[in-house]
N, C-alpha and C. Protein backbone atom coordinates (compact mmCIF):
# COMPACT_ATOMS: atom_id res chain seq x y z
N MET A 1 198.21 185.61 25.73
CA MET A 1 196.82 185.56 26.13
C MET A 1 195.93 185.86 24.92
N LYS A 2 194.88 185.09 24.78
CA LYS A 2 193.98 185.22 23.64
C LYS A 2 192.98 186.38 23.87
N LYS A 3 192.74 187.14 22.80
CA LYS A 3 191.80 188.25 22.86
C LYS A 3 190.39 187.70 23.09
N PRO A 4 189.54 188.44 23.83
CA PRO A 4 188.13 188.02 23.93
C PRO A 4 187.48 188.08 22.54
N PHE A 5 186.50 187.23 22.32
CA PHE A 5 185.89 187.13 20.99
C PHE A 5 185.31 188.45 20.51
N TYR A 6 184.84 189.31 21.43
CA TYR A 6 184.21 190.55 21.01
C TYR A 6 185.23 191.62 20.58
N LYS A 7 186.52 191.33 20.72
CA LYS A 7 187.54 192.28 20.27
C LYS A 7 188.09 191.91 18.89
N HIS A 8 187.60 190.83 18.31
CA HIS A 8 188.01 190.44 16.97
C HIS A 8 187.13 191.17 15.96
N TRP A 9 187.74 191.65 14.90
CA TRP A 9 187.00 192.41 13.89
C TRP A 9 185.95 191.55 13.21
N LEU A 10 186.21 190.26 13.05
CA LEU A 10 185.26 189.39 12.36
C LEU A 10 183.98 189.22 13.16
N PHE A 11 184.09 189.25 14.47
CA PHE A 11 182.90 189.16 15.32
C PHE A 11 181.95 190.30 14.99
N TRP A 12 182.49 191.50 14.87
CA TRP A 12 181.65 192.67 14.59
C TRP A 12 181.08 192.63 13.18
N VAL A 13 181.83 192.05 12.25
CA VAL A 13 181.30 191.88 10.89
C VAL A 13 180.08 190.96 10.94
N VAL A 14 180.18 189.85 11.67
CA VAL A 14 179.06 188.91 11.80
C VAL A 14 177.88 189.60 12.48
N VAL A 15 178.13 190.40 13.51
CA VAL A 15 177.07 191.12 14.21
C VAL A 15 176.35 192.07 13.25
N VAL A 16 177.10 192.81 12.46
CA VAL A 16 176.50 193.76 11.52
C VAL A 16 175.69 193.02 10.45
N VAL A 17 176.24 191.93 9.92
CA VAL A 17 175.53 191.15 8.89
C VAL A 17 174.24 190.59 9.47
N LEU A 18 174.32 190.00 10.66
CA LEU A 18 173.12 189.44 11.28
C LEU A 18 172.10 190.55 11.57
N GLY A 19 172.58 191.70 12.02
CA GLY A 19 171.67 192.81 12.28
C GLY A 19 170.92 193.24 11.03
N SER A 20 171.63 193.31 9.92
CA SER A 20 170.97 193.71 8.68
C SER A 20 169.99 192.64 8.19
N ILE A 21 170.35 191.39 8.38
CA ILE A 21 169.45 190.29 7.98
C ILE A 21 168.19 190.31 8.83
N ILE A 22 168.36 190.48 10.13
CA ILE A 22 167.19 190.52 11.02
C ILE A 22 166.34 191.73 10.69
N GLY A 23 166.97 192.86 10.35
CA GLY A 23 166.22 194.03 9.94
C GLY A 23 165.41 193.79 8.68
N GLN A 24 166.01 193.09 7.73
CA GLN A 24 165.28 192.78 6.49
C GLN A 24 164.12 191.84 6.77
N ILE A 25 164.31 190.87 7.64
CA ILE A 25 163.22 189.95 7.99
C ILE A 25 162.11 190.71 8.68
N ALA A 26 162.47 191.59 9.61
CA ALA A 26 161.48 192.39 10.32
C ALA A 26 160.72 193.29 9.35
N ALA A 27 161.42 193.86 8.38
CA ALA A 27 160.76 194.72 7.41
C ALA A 27 159.75 193.95 6.57
N ARG A 28 160.05 192.70 6.29
CA ARG A 28 159.12 191.88 5.50
C ARG A 28 157.89 191.52 6.30
N ASN A 29 158.00 191.49 7.61
CA ASN A 29 156.88 191.11 8.45
C ASN A 29 155.97 192.28 8.79
N GLU A 30 156.30 193.50 8.31
CA GLU A 30 155.44 194.65 8.54
C GLU A 30 154.17 194.49 7.71
N PRO A 31 153.03 194.92 8.25
CA PRO A 31 151.80 194.89 7.44
C PRO A 31 151.96 195.75 6.20
N GLU A 32 151.33 195.32 5.11
CA GLU A 32 151.49 196.02 3.84
C GLU A 32 150.89 197.42 3.85
N ASP A 33 149.88 197.66 4.73
CA ASP A 33 149.26 198.96 4.76
C ASP A 33 150.09 199.99 5.54
N GLN A 34 151.16 199.56 6.15
CA GLN A 34 152.02 200.47 6.89
C GLN A 34 153.03 201.08 5.92
N ALA A 35 153.08 202.38 5.89
CA ALA A 35 153.98 203.07 4.95
C ALA A 35 155.41 203.02 5.47
N ALA A 36 156.33 202.73 4.58
CA ALA A 36 157.75 202.73 4.94
C ALA A 36 158.34 204.08 4.56
N PRO A 37 159.37 204.52 5.27
CA PRO A 37 160.01 205.80 4.89
C PRO A 37 160.52 205.72 3.45
N ALA A 38 160.59 206.85 2.79
CA ALA A 38 160.99 206.91 1.39
C ALA A 38 162.39 206.35 1.17
N ALA A 39 163.31 206.59 2.08
CA ALA A 39 164.68 206.10 1.92
C ALA A 39 164.74 204.59 1.93
N THR A 40 163.87 203.96 2.70
CA THR A 40 163.90 202.50 2.79
C THR A 40 163.22 201.84 1.61
N GLN A 41 162.27 202.51 1.01
CA GLN A 41 161.56 201.91 -0.11
C GLN A 41 162.49 201.59 -1.26
N GLY A 42 163.46 202.43 -1.52
CA GLY A 42 164.41 202.17 -2.60
C GLY A 42 165.25 200.95 -2.30
N VAL A 43 165.65 200.77 -1.06
CA VAL A 43 166.46 199.62 -0.67
C VAL A 43 165.62 198.36 -0.75
N GLN A 44 164.39 198.42 -0.27
CA GLN A 44 163.53 197.25 -0.29
C GLN A 44 163.22 196.81 -1.72
N ALA A 45 163.13 197.76 -2.62
CA ALA A 45 162.79 197.40 -3.99
C ALA A 45 163.88 196.53 -4.61
N THR A 46 165.12 196.70 -4.20
CA THR A 46 166.18 195.87 -4.75
C THR A 46 166.35 194.56 -3.98
N ALA A 47 165.93 194.55 -2.71
CA ALA A 47 166.12 193.36 -1.89
C ALA A 47 164.95 192.41 -1.95
N VAL A 48 163.76 192.90 -2.22
CA VAL A 48 162.56 192.08 -2.20
C VAL A 48 161.92 192.11 -3.57
N PRO A 49 161.45 190.96 -4.09
CA PRO A 49 160.78 190.99 -5.38
C PRO A 49 159.53 191.86 -5.33
N ALA A 50 159.18 192.47 -6.43
CA ALA A 50 157.99 193.30 -6.50
C ALA A 50 156.74 192.47 -6.24
N ALA A 51 155.69 193.12 -5.77
CA ALA A 51 154.47 192.40 -5.40
C ALA A 51 153.84 191.70 -6.60
N ASP A 52 154.03 192.25 -7.81
CA ASP A 52 153.44 191.59 -8.97
C ASP A 52 154.34 190.51 -9.56
N SER A 53 155.48 190.31 -8.96
CA SER A 53 156.39 189.27 -9.41
C SER A 53 155.82 187.90 -9.06
N PRO A 54 155.92 186.91 -9.95
CA PRO A 54 155.36 185.61 -9.66
C PRO A 54 156.04 184.92 -8.49
N ALA A 55 157.26 185.31 -8.16
CA ALA A 55 157.97 184.66 -7.05
C ALA A 55 157.50 185.17 -5.70
N ALA A 56 156.85 186.34 -5.68
CA ALA A 56 156.44 186.90 -4.41
C ALA A 56 155.11 186.31 -3.95
N GLU A 57 155.07 185.91 -2.69
CA GLU A 57 153.85 185.42 -2.09
C GLU A 57 153.47 186.41 -1.00
N PRO A 58 152.25 186.89 -0.96
CA PRO A 58 151.90 187.92 0.00
C PRO A 58 152.02 187.47 1.45
N ALA A 59 151.68 186.25 1.77
CA ALA A 59 151.68 185.83 3.16
C ALA A 59 153.09 185.58 3.69
N ALA A 60 153.90 184.91 2.92
CA ALA A 60 155.20 184.51 3.44
C ALA A 60 156.35 185.20 2.75
N GLY A 61 156.12 185.89 1.65
CA GLY A 61 157.24 186.46 0.90
C GLY A 61 158.13 185.34 0.43
N ASN A 62 159.42 185.51 0.51
CA ASN A 62 160.36 184.44 0.21
C ASN A 62 161.44 184.45 1.28
N PRO A 63 161.03 184.25 2.58
CA PRO A 63 161.99 184.37 3.66
C PRO A 63 163.04 183.28 3.67
N SER A 64 162.78 182.13 3.06
CA SER A 64 163.74 181.05 3.13
C SER A 64 165.07 181.41 2.47
N VAL A 65 165.03 182.28 1.46
CA VAL A 65 166.27 182.70 0.81
C VAL A 65 167.16 183.44 1.81
N ASN A 66 166.56 184.31 2.62
CA ASN A 66 167.34 185.09 3.58
C ASN A 66 168.00 184.22 4.63
N TRP A 67 167.27 183.33 5.26
CA TRP A 67 167.88 182.57 6.34
C TRP A 67 168.92 181.58 5.78
N GLU A 68 168.66 181.03 4.62
CA GLU A 68 169.62 180.09 4.04
C GLU A 68 170.94 180.78 3.69
N SER A 69 170.85 181.97 3.10
CA SER A 69 172.08 182.68 2.77
C SER A 69 172.78 183.17 4.03
N ALA A 70 172.01 183.53 5.05
CA ALA A 70 172.62 183.96 6.31
C ALA A 70 173.36 182.79 6.97
N ILE A 71 172.76 181.62 6.96
CA ILE A 71 173.41 180.43 7.55
C ILE A 71 174.69 180.12 6.77
N LYS A 72 174.61 180.24 5.45
CA LYS A 72 175.80 179.98 4.62
C LYS A 72 176.92 180.96 4.97
N GLN A 73 176.58 182.23 5.13
CA GLN A 73 177.58 183.25 5.51
C GLN A 73 178.18 182.95 6.88
N ILE A 74 177.34 182.60 7.82
CA ILE A 74 177.80 182.29 9.17
C ILE A 74 178.73 181.08 9.13
N ALA A 75 178.32 180.04 8.40
CA ALA A 75 179.13 178.81 8.32
C ALA A 75 180.48 179.08 7.68
N GLN A 76 180.54 179.97 6.71
CA GLN A 76 181.80 180.24 6.01
C GLN A 76 182.68 181.26 6.71
N SER A 77 182.18 181.87 7.78
CA SER A 77 182.98 182.87 8.50
C SER A 77 184.14 182.19 9.22
N ASP A 78 185.12 182.98 9.60
CA ASP A 78 186.30 182.46 10.29
C ASP A 78 186.13 182.46 11.81
N THR A 79 184.92 182.62 12.28
CA THR A 79 184.68 182.64 13.72
C THR A 79 184.68 181.22 14.28
N GLU A 80 184.74 181.13 15.59
CA GLU A 80 184.73 179.84 16.27
C GLU A 80 183.33 179.22 16.16
N SER A 81 183.28 177.91 16.36
CA SER A 81 182.01 177.18 16.26
C SER A 81 180.95 177.72 17.22
N ALA A 82 181.36 178.07 18.43
CA ALA A 82 180.41 178.60 19.41
C ALA A 82 179.77 179.89 18.94
N GLN A 83 180.56 180.76 18.31
CA GLN A 83 180.03 182.03 17.80
C GLN A 83 179.10 181.78 16.62
N LYS A 84 179.45 180.80 15.80
CA LYS A 84 178.58 180.46 14.67
C LYS A 84 177.24 179.95 15.18
N ALA A 85 177.27 179.06 16.17
CA ALA A 85 176.03 178.51 16.73
C ALA A 85 175.20 179.62 17.36
N ASP A 86 175.84 180.52 18.11
CA ASP A 86 175.11 181.62 18.72
C ASP A 86 174.46 182.51 17.66
N ALA A 87 175.17 182.79 16.59
CA ALA A 87 174.63 183.62 15.52
C ALA A 87 173.42 182.95 14.85
N ALA A 88 173.51 181.65 14.63
CA ALA A 88 172.39 180.90 14.03
C ALA A 88 171.18 180.92 14.97
N GLU A 89 171.42 180.81 16.28
CA GLU A 89 170.32 180.85 17.24
C GLU A 89 169.64 182.22 17.27
N VAL A 90 170.43 183.27 17.24
CA VAL A 90 169.87 184.63 17.21
C VAL A 90 168.99 184.81 15.97
N LEU A 91 169.49 184.36 14.86
CA LEU A 91 168.73 184.43 13.61
C LEU A 91 167.43 183.65 13.71
N ALA A 92 167.49 182.44 14.27
CA ALA A 92 166.31 181.57 14.39
C ALA A 92 165.27 182.17 15.34
N LYS A 93 165.72 182.76 16.42
CA LYS A 93 164.77 183.32 17.38
C LYS A 93 164.04 184.53 16.83
N ALA A 94 164.66 185.23 15.89
CA ALA A 94 164.03 186.40 15.28
C ALA A 94 163.22 186.04 14.04
N TYR A 95 163.28 184.80 13.62
CA TYR A 95 162.65 184.38 12.37
C TYR A 95 161.19 184.01 12.57
N SER A 96 160.35 184.42 11.63
CA SER A 96 158.92 184.10 11.67
C SER A 96 158.56 183.30 10.42
N PRO A 97 158.49 181.98 10.54
CA PRO A 97 158.17 181.16 9.37
C PRO A 97 156.67 181.20 9.06
N SER A 98 156.35 180.91 7.83
CA SER A 98 154.95 180.72 7.47
C SER A 98 154.52 179.39 8.07
N PRO A 99 153.22 179.14 8.20
CA PRO A 99 152.78 177.84 8.73
C PRO A 99 153.29 176.65 7.90
N GLU A 100 153.36 176.83 6.58
CA GLU A 100 153.86 175.74 5.71
C GLU A 100 155.35 175.50 5.96
N GLU A 101 156.10 176.59 6.12
CA GLU A 101 157.53 176.45 6.35
C GLU A 101 157.81 175.82 7.72
N LEU A 102 157.03 176.20 8.71
CA LEU A 102 157.18 175.59 10.05
C LEU A 102 156.91 174.09 9.96
N SER A 103 155.88 173.72 9.24
CA SER A 103 155.58 172.29 9.06
C SER A 103 156.73 171.58 8.34
N ASP A 104 157.30 172.25 7.34
CA ASP A 104 158.46 171.68 6.62
C ASP A 104 159.64 171.49 7.56
N PHE A 105 159.91 172.49 8.39
CA PHE A 105 161.01 172.40 9.34
C PHE A 105 160.79 171.22 10.29
N GLU A 106 159.55 171.07 10.77
CA GLU A 106 159.25 169.97 11.68
C GLU A 106 159.53 168.62 11.03
N SER A 107 159.03 168.45 9.82
CA SER A 107 159.23 167.16 9.16
C SER A 107 160.70 166.94 8.78
N GLN A 108 161.42 168.02 8.45
CA GLN A 108 162.83 167.88 8.06
C GLN A 108 163.70 167.46 9.24
N VAL A 109 163.48 168.04 10.43
CA VAL A 109 164.30 167.63 11.57
C VAL A 109 163.98 166.20 11.98
N VAL A 110 162.72 165.82 11.89
CA VAL A 110 162.34 164.43 12.20
C VAL A 110 162.96 163.48 11.17
N GLU A 111 162.92 163.85 9.90
CA GLU A 111 163.51 162.99 8.86
C GLU A 111 165.02 162.84 9.05
N GLU A 112 165.70 163.93 9.38
CA GLU A 112 167.16 163.86 9.59
C GLU A 112 167.48 162.93 10.76
N TYR A 113 166.67 163.00 11.81
CA TYR A 113 166.89 162.12 12.95
C TYR A 113 166.60 160.67 12.59
N ASN A 114 165.45 160.41 11.98
CA ASN A 114 165.07 159.04 11.63
C ASN A 114 166.04 158.39 10.65
N ALA A 115 166.62 159.19 9.76
CA ALA A 115 167.57 158.68 8.78
C ALA A 115 168.96 158.46 9.40
N GLY A 116 169.15 158.98 10.61
CA GLY A 116 170.45 158.86 11.27
C GLY A 116 171.50 159.80 10.72
N ASN A 117 171.07 160.85 10.04
CA ASN A 117 171.99 161.79 9.40
C ASN A 117 172.40 162.96 10.27
N TYR A 118 171.58 163.31 11.26
CA TYR A 118 171.75 164.59 11.92
C TYR A 118 173.08 164.75 12.66
N LEU A 119 173.75 163.65 13.03
CA LEU A 119 175.07 163.74 13.66
C LEU A 119 176.16 163.13 12.78
N ALA A 120 175.81 162.80 11.56
CA ALA A 120 176.77 162.15 10.67
C ALA A 120 177.70 163.13 9.96
N HIS A 121 177.36 164.42 10.02
CA HIS A 121 178.14 165.43 9.29
C HIS A 121 178.57 166.57 10.21
N ILE A 122 179.13 166.21 11.34
CA ILE A 122 179.49 167.20 12.37
C ILE A 122 180.49 168.23 11.85
N GLU A 123 181.34 167.86 10.94
CA GLU A 123 182.34 168.79 10.41
C GLU A 123 181.78 169.76 9.37
N ASP A 124 180.57 169.52 8.89
CA ASP A 124 179.94 170.37 7.89
C ASP A 124 179.15 171.46 8.63
N ALA A 125 179.76 172.63 8.81
CA ALA A 125 179.15 173.70 9.60
C ALA A 125 177.81 174.14 9.03
N GLU A 126 177.71 174.26 7.73
CA GLU A 126 176.45 174.73 7.13
C GLU A 126 175.32 173.75 7.42
N TYR A 127 175.59 172.46 7.29
CA TYR A 127 174.58 171.43 7.58
C TYR A 127 174.15 171.48 9.04
N MET A 128 175.12 171.53 9.93
CA MET A 128 174.82 171.52 11.36
C MET A 128 174.09 172.81 11.78
N LEU A 129 174.50 173.95 11.24
CA LEU A 129 173.84 175.20 11.58
C LEU A 129 172.42 175.26 11.01
N THR A 130 172.21 174.66 9.87
CA THR A 130 170.87 174.59 9.29
C THR A 130 169.97 173.78 10.20
N ASN A 131 170.44 172.63 10.66
CA ASN A 131 169.65 171.81 11.57
C ASN A 131 169.40 172.53 12.89
N LEU A 132 170.40 173.20 13.38
CA LEU A 132 170.27 173.96 14.63
C LEU A 132 169.22 175.06 14.45
N PHE A 133 169.32 175.79 13.34
CA PHE A 133 168.36 176.85 13.04
C PHE A 133 166.93 176.31 13.02
N LYS A 134 166.71 175.24 12.28
CA LYS A 134 165.36 174.68 12.16
C LYS A 134 164.84 174.20 13.51
N ALA A 135 165.69 173.57 14.31
CA ALA A 135 165.27 173.08 15.62
C ALA A 135 164.88 174.24 16.54
N VAL A 136 165.63 175.33 16.51
CA VAL A 136 165.31 176.49 17.36
C VAL A 136 164.00 177.12 16.91
N VAL A 137 163.77 177.21 15.60
CA VAL A 137 162.52 177.77 15.09
C VAL A 137 161.35 176.89 15.53
N VAL A 138 161.46 175.58 15.35
CA VAL A 138 160.37 174.66 15.73
C VAL A 138 160.11 174.75 17.23
N GLU A 139 161.16 174.69 18.02
CA GLU A 139 161.00 174.75 19.47
C GLU A 139 160.34 176.06 19.91
N GLY A 140 160.72 177.15 19.30
CA GLY A 140 160.18 178.45 19.67
C GLY A 140 158.74 178.68 19.28
N LYS A 141 158.25 177.94 18.31
CA LYS A 141 156.89 178.15 17.81
C LYS A 141 155.86 177.21 18.44
N HIS A 142 156.30 176.40 19.40
CA HIS A 142 155.37 175.49 20.06
C HIS A 142 155.41 175.71 21.57
N THR A 143 154.33 175.32 22.24
CA THR A 143 154.23 175.51 23.68
C THR A 143 154.78 174.31 24.44
N ASP A 144 155.10 174.55 25.71
CA ASP A 144 155.62 173.47 26.56
C ASP A 144 154.62 172.32 26.61
N GLY A 145 155.17 171.12 26.61
CA GLY A 145 154.34 169.93 26.69
C GLY A 145 153.98 169.33 25.34
N GLU A 146 154.17 170.08 24.27
CA GLU A 146 153.91 169.53 22.94
C GLU A 146 155.05 168.60 22.57
N PRO A 147 154.74 167.39 22.09
CA PRO A 147 155.81 166.44 21.75
C PRO A 147 156.81 166.97 20.73
N ILE A 148 156.36 167.76 19.75
CA ILE A 148 157.28 168.26 18.73
C ILE A 148 158.25 169.28 19.36
N LYS A 149 157.80 170.03 20.35
CA LYS A 149 158.70 170.96 21.04
C LYS A 149 159.75 170.17 21.82
N ASP A 150 159.32 169.11 22.51
CA ASP A 150 160.26 168.27 23.25
C ASP A 150 161.27 167.62 22.32
N PHE A 151 160.80 167.15 21.17
CA PHE A 151 161.69 166.55 20.18
C PHE A 151 162.71 167.58 19.69
N ALA A 152 162.20 168.75 19.31
CA ALA A 152 163.09 169.79 18.77
C ALA A 152 164.12 170.23 19.81
N SER A 153 163.72 170.29 21.05
CA SER A 153 164.65 170.70 22.12
C SER A 153 165.79 169.70 22.26
N ALA A 154 165.47 168.41 22.28
CA ALA A 154 166.51 167.36 22.40
C ALA A 154 167.38 167.33 21.12
N PHE A 155 166.74 167.49 19.97
CA PHE A 155 167.46 167.53 18.69
C PHE A 155 168.46 168.69 18.69
N TYR A 156 167.99 169.84 19.15
CA TYR A 156 168.84 171.03 19.24
C TYR A 156 170.04 170.77 20.16
N GLN A 157 169.77 170.21 21.34
CA GLN A 157 170.86 169.97 22.30
C GLN A 157 171.93 169.06 21.69
N ASN A 158 171.50 167.97 21.08
CA ASN A 158 172.49 167.05 20.49
C ASN A 158 173.23 167.70 19.33
N THR A 159 172.52 168.42 18.49
CA THR A 159 173.15 169.08 17.34
C THR A 159 174.20 170.09 17.83
N LYS A 160 173.81 170.93 18.77
CA LYS A 160 174.74 171.96 19.26
C LYS A 160 175.92 171.34 20.00
N ASN A 161 175.65 170.41 20.90
CA ASN A 161 176.74 169.84 21.71
C ASN A 161 177.75 169.06 20.88
N THR A 162 177.29 168.37 19.84
CA THR A 162 178.25 167.65 18.99
C THR A 162 178.97 168.61 18.05
N PHE A 163 178.28 169.62 17.56
CA PHE A 163 178.92 170.61 16.69
C PHE A 163 180.02 171.36 17.45
N LEU A 164 179.77 171.65 18.71
CA LEU A 164 180.76 172.37 19.53
C LEU A 164 181.79 171.43 20.15
N ALA A 165 181.67 170.14 19.86
CA ALA A 165 182.57 169.11 20.39
C ALA A 165 182.53 169.04 21.91
N VAL A 166 181.37 169.37 22.47
CA VAL A 166 181.16 169.21 23.90
C VAL A 166 180.84 167.76 24.21
N GLU A 167 180.15 167.11 23.29
CA GLU A 167 179.79 165.71 23.42
C GLU A 167 180.17 164.97 22.14
N ALA A 168 180.49 163.69 22.28
CA ALA A 168 180.75 162.84 21.13
C ALA A 168 179.40 162.27 20.67
N ALA A 169 179.33 161.92 19.40
CA ALA A 169 178.07 161.42 18.83
C ALA A 169 177.52 160.20 19.56
N GLY A 170 178.37 159.37 20.10
CA GLY A 170 177.89 158.17 20.78
C GLY A 170 177.90 158.25 22.30
N SER A 171 178.03 159.45 22.84
CA SER A 171 178.12 159.62 24.30
C SER A 171 176.80 159.26 25.00
N ASP A 172 176.88 159.04 26.30
CA ASP A 172 175.68 158.72 27.08
C ASP A 172 174.68 159.87 27.05
N SER A 173 175.18 161.10 27.11
CA SER A 173 174.31 162.26 27.07
C SER A 173 173.53 162.32 25.75
N VAL A 174 174.22 162.07 24.65
CA VAL A 174 173.57 162.08 23.33
C VAL A 174 172.54 160.96 23.26
N LYS A 175 172.89 159.79 23.77
CA LYS A 175 171.95 158.65 23.74
C LYS A 175 170.72 158.95 24.60
N GLU A 176 170.91 159.62 25.73
CA GLU A 176 169.78 160.00 26.59
C GLU A 176 168.85 160.96 25.85
N SER A 177 169.43 161.94 25.16
CA SER A 177 168.61 162.88 24.39
C SER A 177 167.88 162.16 23.25
N GLU A 178 168.53 161.19 22.64
CA GLU A 178 167.89 160.42 21.58
C GLU A 178 166.73 159.60 22.13
N SER A 179 166.88 159.11 23.35
CA SER A 179 165.79 158.40 24.01
C SER A 179 164.59 159.33 24.21
N GLN A 180 164.87 160.58 24.58
CA GLN A 180 163.81 161.58 24.74
C GLN A 180 163.15 161.87 23.38
N MET A 181 163.96 161.93 22.32
CA MET A 181 163.41 162.17 20.98
C MET A 181 162.51 161.01 20.55
N ASP A 182 162.95 159.79 20.83
CA ASP A 182 162.14 158.62 20.48
C ASP A 182 160.79 158.65 21.22
N LYS A 183 160.83 159.03 22.48
CA LYS A 183 159.61 159.13 23.29
C LYS A 183 158.69 160.19 22.70
N ALA A 184 159.23 161.33 22.34
CA ALA A 184 158.43 162.41 21.75
C ALA A 184 157.82 161.99 20.42
N LEU A 185 158.62 161.28 19.61
CA LEU A 185 158.11 160.80 18.31
C LEU A 185 156.97 159.81 18.50
N ALA A 186 157.07 158.96 19.50
CA ALA A 186 156.00 158.00 19.78
C ALA A 186 154.72 158.72 20.15
N GLU A 187 154.83 159.86 20.84
CA GLU A 187 153.65 160.64 21.22
C GLU A 187 153.06 161.38 20.02
N ILE A 188 153.90 161.74 19.06
CA ILE A 188 153.43 162.45 17.88
C ILE A 188 152.61 161.54 16.99
N LYS A 189 153.05 160.31 16.85
CA LYS A 189 152.38 159.36 15.94
C LYS A 189 151.12 158.81 16.46
């Protein structure tokens, strides 16, 4: 009999890593006038570029480095695909992109779909998890009824279902979702 996923040591490693990443993201989203405890300031100084550093931007910081490295770690872990997808979703739901980054995510998922690439690399976990992450962020930052939210939702479903091998790339379900994406894109333009 196979052990439940939560009894594997690697599951807990992924949980701890994701927890620390989400904590770092949350710490970056704190207002600058809020004082951090002294013990945390030393840690933040090594994890975040100094405010006078040219790489630091006050509004957005450099959050893309964190989520990209987190996705890479998740993709390279020895966990099952479902656990990887769940971890990427948790990360995406806790992520707060800048307006420019959200716009980039929107255009990137649309470009991947229009180019026909988004289901062409199902075996590449990092690629699929990146697309899944971006779709969840886009979907979460828009309200119901917005065409980009509808597009992102269908994009997410197809990405996740094919990555988990629940659906084949050419299945009727995938084609139906693509029809919904085409409809949403027509409303966006």
